[in-house]
Amino acid sequence: MTPSPDQEPVINANPSLQDYYASLESRLGYRLVLGGTRHFGYYNTDTYWPFPIDRALRAMEDHLFDSLGLETGANVLDAGCGDGHVAMHLAGRGLRVQGIDVVDRHVRKAQRNISARGLQDAVAVRKMDYHHLDGLADESFDGVYTMETFVHATDPEAAATEFFRVLKPGGSIALFEYDHADTASHKLKLSLATINKYAAMPGYDRFGPGILQRILEAAGFQDVVVTDLTVNVTPMLRLFCVMAYLPYLLIRLLGLQPWFVNTVAGVQGYRARKTCRYVAVSGRKPAAPQRRP
């Protein structure tokens, strides 16, 4: 039975996720550095001059649009929409977007942003967990995407199965996420484990080489392609490291890493760029078989 829109949605327990996005560091950092957007920017080449940041952010969103490969008017699910910036940009490219998020603050802010931009006819946002898309009908979307939110999954296989269910035959999926090899030094592994814990990324702990591809293929997706975009985000990684380095030294000295996890990630993310990758994973739900006359 489909739940009422007014019914409280089922949300997988992940209290660290709520704590992470409620922290003052996260709220101020994302707003001041990225204008409220919560993803990396795309650069054609590795450059030491990463500005303007806004242009790089929109370039990454355009790369997502191209990865989906959908026609104007297509219905798309934004799984973990945050404040709605990606959804609004894709609406500007002609898509119709249903955004979902589990953080109440994000949902309210996204709705205000959409209203301020006059995009209510193209973008809608509601509270929902991508592990539990019970309020969405089978085969109701032409595309599904995540933008650095699948790493928060507590059960990636269940989420992928739900994505497959709500996609129409022939529909596309695009996951812009992180994966990693097991080649970091012991010291770096400990620091990355702290980041994963306090940034609430249980999915990322599992995303070793080939795991994201296997999760999608096990859910039924075909033509799964993994594209390494690490070099394209390195200018922003470097910027974050430069900005965070001095505060990081003080934070490490005082043992405050759990309270300033983004600052720690700003330094360690750049140090781990040979081990951790930024990847775009795309695939398609098989088209419905043609009926014989």
Protein backbone atom coordinates (compact mmCIF):
# COMPACT_ATOMS: atom_id res chain seq x y z
CA MET A 1 0.00 0.00 0.00
CA THR A 2 1.31 3.45 -0.93
CA PRO A 3 1.68 5.66 2.16
CA SER A 4 -0.08 8.99 2.42
CA PRO A 5 2.10 12.03 1.62
CA ASP A 6 1.38 13.22 5.17
CA GLN A 7 2.57 9.97 6.72
CA GLU A 8 6.02 10.07 8.35
CA PRO A 9 8.40 8.28 5.94
CA VAL A 10 10.51 5.30 6.94
CA ILE A 11 14.09 6.47 7.56
CA ASN A 12 17.03 4.12 8.12
CA ALA A 13 18.82 4.85 11.39
CA ASN A 14 21.98 6.90 10.77
CA PRO A 15 22.21 9.45 13.61
CA SER A 16 25.71 10.52 12.62
CA LEU A 17 24.25 11.80 9.34
CA GLN A 18 21.88 14.15 11.16
CA ASP A 19 24.68 15.28 13.49
CA TYR A 20 27.04 15.90 10.58
CA TYR A 21 24.68 18.12 8.63
CA ALA A 22 23.51 19.90 11.80
CA SER A 23 27.05 20.84 12.84
CA LEU A 24 28.05 24.49 12.65
CA GLU A 25 31.12 23.57 10.62
CA SER A 26 29.02 21.88 7.93
CA ARG A 27 26.37 24.59 7.77
CA LEU A 28 28.84 27.48 7.60
CA GLY A 29 31.42 25.70 5.47
CA TYR A 30 29.07 24.64 2.70
CA ARG A 31 27.43 28.05 2.65
CA LEU A 32 30.58 30.18 2.67
CA VAL A 33 32.78 28.06 0.41
CA LEU A 34 30.28 26.41 -1.94
CA GLY A 35 27.23 28.66 -1.71
CA GLY A 36 25.16 25.92 -0.10
CA THR A 37 26.04 23.33 -2.74
CA ARG A 38 27.47 20.07 -1.41
CA HIS A 39 29.54 18.56 -4.19
CA PHE A 40 32.87 18.95 -5.96
CA GLY A 41 33.43 21.11 -8.99
CA TYR A 42 34.57 19.81 -12.39
CA TYR A 43 37.73 21.11 -14.08
CA ASN A 44 38.85 20.09 -17.56
CA THR A 45 42.49 19.97 -16.44
CA ASP A 46 44.41 20.01 -13.19
CA THR A 47 45.00 23.69 -12.42
CA TYR A 48 46.33 25.59 -9.43
CA TRP A 49 43.71 28.34 -9.95
CA PRO A 50 40.31 26.83 -9.12
CA PHE A 51 38.25 30.00 -9.45
CA PRO A 52 35.49 30.80 -10.12
CA ILE A 53 34.17 27.96 -7.99
CA ASP A 54 30.57 28.49 -9.10
CA ARG A 55 31.50 27.77 -12.72
CA ALA A 56 33.17 24.50 -11.70
CA LEU A 57 30.14 23.46 -9.66
CA ARG A 58 27.80 24.06 -12.58
CA ALA A 59 30.22 22.16 -14.85
CA MET A 60 29.95 19.09 -12.60
CA GLU A 61 26.16 19.36 -12.71
CA ASP A 62 26.34 19.58 -16.51
CA HIS A 63 28.51 16.45 -16.50
CA LEU A 64 25.80 14.72 -14.48
CA PHE A 65 23.17 15.88 -16.97
CA ASP A 66 25.22 14.45 -19.85
CA SER A 67 25.72 11.16 -17.98
CA LEU A 68 21.97 10.72 -17.62
CA GLY A 69 21.47 11.30 -21.34
CA LEU A 70 17.78 12.19 -21.05
CA GLU A 71 15.46 14.19 -23.26
CA THR A 72 13.78 17.46 -22.31
CA GLY A 73 10.83 16.88 -20.01
CA ALA A 74 12.15 13.63 -18.56
CA ASN A 75 11.23 12.86 -14.94
CA VAL A 76 14.23 12.40 -12.66
CA LEU A 77 14.72 11.41 -9.02
CA ASP A 78 17.37 13.34 -7.06
CA ALA A 79 18.21 10.93 -4.23
CA GLY A 80 19.63 13.15 -1.51
CA CYS A 81 18.89 16.59 -2.91
CA GLY A 82 20.23 18.76 -0.07
CA ASP A 83 19.23 22.39 -0.57
CA GLY A 84 18.09 21.67 -4.13
CA HIS A 85 20.89 23.34 -6.10
CA VAL A 86 21.59 20.38 -8.40
CA ALA A 87 17.88 19.79 -8.97
CA MET A 88 17.32 23.43 -9.90
CA HIS A 89 20.23 23.41 -12.35
CA LEU A 90 18.94 20.26 -14.06
CA ALA A 91 15.47 21.82 -14.20
CA GLY A 92 17.12 24.70 -16.04
CA ARG A 93 18.39 22.11 -18.54
CA GLY A 94 14.82 20.93 -19.16
CA LEU A 95 14.34 18.04 -16.72
CA ARG A 96 11.54 17.62 -14.20
CA VAL A 97 13.01 16.67 -10.82
CA GLN A 98 11.62 15.03 -7.70
CA GLY A 99 14.09 15.65 -4.89
CA ILE A 100 14.16 13.65 -1.67
CA ASP A 101 16.22 14.07 1.48
CA VAL A 102 16.16 12.75 5.05
CA VAL A 103 17.30 16.00 6.72
CA ASP A 104 14.34 18.24 7.58
CA ARG A 105 16.46 21.38 7.33
CA HIS A 106 17.49 20.48 3.80
CA VAL A 107 13.93 19.83 2.70
CA ARG A 108 12.70 23.18 4.02
CA LYS A 109 15.63 25.09 2.53
CA ALA A 110 15.25 23.37 -0.84
CA GLN A 111 11.56 24.23 -0.95
CA ARG A 112 12.35 27.88 -0.21
CA ASN A 113 15.06 27.95 -2.89
CA ILE A 114 12.74 26.41 -5.47
CA SER A 115 9.99 28.91 -4.65
CA ALA A 116 12.43 31.84 -4.84
CA ARG A 117 13.51 30.69 -8.31
CA GLY A 118 9.93 30.14 -9.47
CA LEU A 119 10.60 26.49 -10.29
CA GLN A 120 7.66 24.89 -8.48
CA ASP A 121 6.35 23.43 -11.75
CA ALA A 122 9.68 21.74 -12.52
CA VAL A 123 11.07 20.70 -9.11
CA ALA A 124 9.41 19.19 -6.04
CA VAL A 125 11.08 18.13 -2.79
CA ARG A 126 9.84 15.87 0.00
CA LYS A 127 11.26 14.04 2.97
CA MET A 128 12.07 10.47 2.02
CA ASP A 129 14.87 7.92 2.45
CA TYR A 130 16.24 6.45 -0.78
CA HIS A 131 16.32 3.04 0.93
CA HIS A 132 12.52 3.25 1.21
CA LEU A 133 10.87 4.72 -1.89
CA ASP A 134 7.47 3.26 -0.94
CA GLY A 135 5.69 6.50 -1.81
CA LEU A 136 6.94 6.36 -5.41
CA ALA A 137 5.31 4.15 -8.01
CA ASP A 138 7.03 1.44 -10.00
CA GLU A 139 8.54 2.60 -13.31
CA SER A 140 7.70 6.26 -12.67
CA PHE A 141 11.06 7.92 -13.48
CA ASP A 142 13.22 8.24 -16.57
CA GLY A 143 16.37 8.79 -14.51
CA VAL A 144 17.79 8.56 -11.00
CA TYR A 145 20.93 10.20 -9.68
CA THR A 146 22.96 10.77 -6.53
CA MET A 147 25.51 13.55 -6.13
CA GLU A 148 27.87 12.45 -3.36
CA THR A 149 25.02 11.03 -1.26
CA PHE A 150 25.20 7.28 -1.94
CA VAL A 151 28.26 7.16 0.37
CA HIS A 152 25.77 7.78 3.21
CA ALA A 153 23.85 4.58 2.40
CA THR A 154 23.49 2.11 5.26
CA ASP A 155 22.30 -0.57 2.81
CA PRO A 156 23.52 0.28 -0.72
CA GLU A 157 22.04 -2.90 -2.21
CA ALA A 158 18.55 -2.05 -0.93
CA ALA A 159 18.82 1.49 -2.28
CA ALA A 160 19.99 0.25 -5.70
CA THR A 161 17.07 -2.17 -5.81
CA GLU A 162 14.67 0.70 -5.09
CA PHE A 163 16.28 2.84 -7.79
CA PHE A 164 15.81 -0.01 -10.26
CA ARG A 165 12.16 -0.44 -9.26
CA VAL A 166 11.14 3.19 -9.75
CA LEU A 167 12.93 3.53 -13.10
CA LYS A 168 11.09 2.97 -16.35
CA PRO A 169 12.50 0.31 -18.70
CA GLY A 170 15.38 1.96 -20.53
CA GLY A 171 15.79 4.55 -17.77
CA SER A 172 19.23 5.72 -16.70
CA ILE A 173 21.09 6.01 -13.42
CA ALA A 174 24.12 8.14 -12.54
CA LEU A 175 25.98 7.99 -9.23
CA PHE A 176 28.67 10.65 -8.69
CA GLU A 177 30.49 9.22 -5.67
CA TYR A 178 33.78 8.15 -4.11
CA ASP A 179 35.52 4.79 -4.04
CA HIS A 180 38.94 3.72 -2.83
CA ALA A 181 41.74 1.21 -3.03
CA ASP A 182 43.26 -0.44 0.03
CA THR A 183 46.74 1.04 -0.46
CA ALA A 184 46.84 3.96 1.99
CA SER A 185 49.35 4.01 4.83
CA HIS A 186 48.17 2.87 8.25
CA LYS A 187 48.19 6.46 9.54
CA LEU A 188 46.14 7.72 6.61
CA LYS A 189 43.69 4.81 6.95
CA LEU A 190 43.05 5.78 10.58
CA SER A 191 42.37 9.37 9.60
CA LEU A 192 40.06 8.32 6.76
CA ALA A 193 38.20 6.01 9.16
CA THR A 194 37.57 9.02 11.43
CA ILE A 195 36.22 11.00 8.48
CA ASN A 196 33.95 8.13 7.41
CA LYS A 197 32.60 7.75 10.94
CA TYR A 198 31.81 11.38 11.70
CA ALA A 199 30.75 12.33 8.16
CA ALA A 200 28.34 9.36 8.29
CA MET A 201 29.61 7.49 5.22
CA PRO A 202 29.09 3.78 5.95
CA GLY A 203 28.62 3.10 2.25
CA TYR A 204 32.02 4.53 1.41
CA ASP A 205 33.66 2.08 3.82
CA ARG A 206 32.52 -0.67 1.44
CA PHE A 207 33.19 1.03 -1.89
CA GLY A 208 36.42 -0.62 -2.87
CA PRO A 209 37.40 -1.08 -6.53
CA GLY A 210 34.49 -2.38 -8.60
CA ILE A 211 31.99 -2.50 -5.73
CA LEU A 212 29.67 0.24 -7.03
CA GLN A 213 29.55 -1.43 -10.44
CA ARG A 214 28.76 -4.81 -8.90
CA ILE A 215 26.00 -3.33 -6.71
CA LEU A 216 24.27 -1.83 -9.75
CA GLU A 217 24.67 -4.95 -11.86
CA ALA A 218 23.30 -7.13 -9.04
CA ALA A 219 20.24 -4.85 -8.90
CA GLY A 220 19.65 -5.50 -12.63
CA PHE A 221 21.31 -2.53 -14.33
CA GLN A 222 23.13 -3.01 -17.63
CA ASP A 223 25.89 -1.16 -19.50
CA VAL A 224 27.40 0.00 -16.20
CA VAL A 225 30.39 2.27 -16.77
CA VAL A 226 32.73 3.71 -14.13
CA THR A 227 34.58 6.90 -15.10
CA ASP A 228 37.40 8.19 -12.89
CA LEU A 229 37.04 11.96 -12.45
CA THR A 230 39.69 12.35 -9.74
CA VAL A 231 41.92 14.55 -11.88
CA ASN A 232 38.90 16.74 -12.64
CA VAL A 233 38.24 17.47 -8.94
CA THR A 234 41.90 17.77 -7.88
CA PRO A 235 41.96 21.61 -8.14
CA MET A 236 39.17 21.79 -5.56
CA LEU A 237 40.81 19.12 -3.40
CA ARG A 238 43.97 21.22 -3.41
CA LEU A 239 42.03 24.38 -2.54
CA PHE A 240 40.36 22.69 0.41
CA CYS A 241 43.75 21.47 1.65
CA VAL A 242 45.28 24.94 1.48
CA MET A 243 42.30 26.50 3.27
CA ALA A 244 42.14 23.84 5.97
CA TYR A 245 45.81 23.12 6.70
CA LEU A 246 46.54 25.57 9.53
CA PRO A 247 43.21 24.98 11.33
CA TYR A 248 43.81 21.24 10.86
CA LEU A 249 47.11 21.41 12.73
CA LEU A 250 45.40 23.02 15.71
CA ILE A 251 42.46 20.62 15.56
CA ARG A 252 44.80 17.62 15.51
CA LEU A 253 46.84 19.04 18.41
CA LEU A 254 43.71 19.47 20.55
CA GLY A 255 42.09 16.20 19.48
CA LEU A 256 39.03 17.91 18.02
CA GLN A 257 38.76 15.90 14.80
CA PRO A 258 35.20 14.60 15.46
CA TRP A 259 33.90 18.17 15.71
CA PHE A 260 35.72 19.48 12.62
CA VAL A 261 35.53 16.53 10.26
CA ASN A 262 35.28 18.68 7.11
CA THR A 263 38.51 20.44 8.01
CA VAL A 264 40.20 17.09 8.51
CA ALA A 265 38.76 15.85 5.21
CA GLY A 266 40.03 18.98 3.46
CA VAL A 267 43.62 17.99 4.26
CA GLN A 268 43.41 14.22 4.20
CA GLY A 269 41.28 14.13 1.05
CA TYR A 270 44.10 15.75 -0.89
CA ARG A 271 46.70 13.50 0.70
CA ALA A 272 44.62 10.45 -0.25
CA ARG A 273 44.05 11.47 -3.88
CA LYS A 274 46.18 8.53 -5.10
CA THR A 275 44.11 6.10 -3.03
CA CYS A 276 40.61 7.58 -3.08
CA ARG A 277 38.83 8.26 -6.36
CA TYR A 278 35.97 10.47 -7.45
CA VAL A 279 33.92 8.41 -9.89
CA ALA A 280 30.88 8.77 -12.11
CA VAL A 281 29.01 5.47 -12.35
CA SER A 282 26.31 5.24 -15.00
CA GLY A 283 24.03 2.49 -16.22
CA ARG A 284 20.60 1.68 -17.63
CA LYS A 285 17.60 -0.42 -16.73
CA PRO A 286 17.02 -2.92 -19.54
CA ALA A 287 14.39 -1.82 -22.02
CA ALA A 288 11.11 -3.70 -21.99
CA PRO A 289 11.14 -6.57 -24.49
CA GLN A 290 9.18 -5.82 -27.64
CA ARG A 291 5.96 -7.76 -28.05
CA ARG A 292 5.71 -9.96 -31.07
CA PRO A 293 2.77 -9.20 -33.36
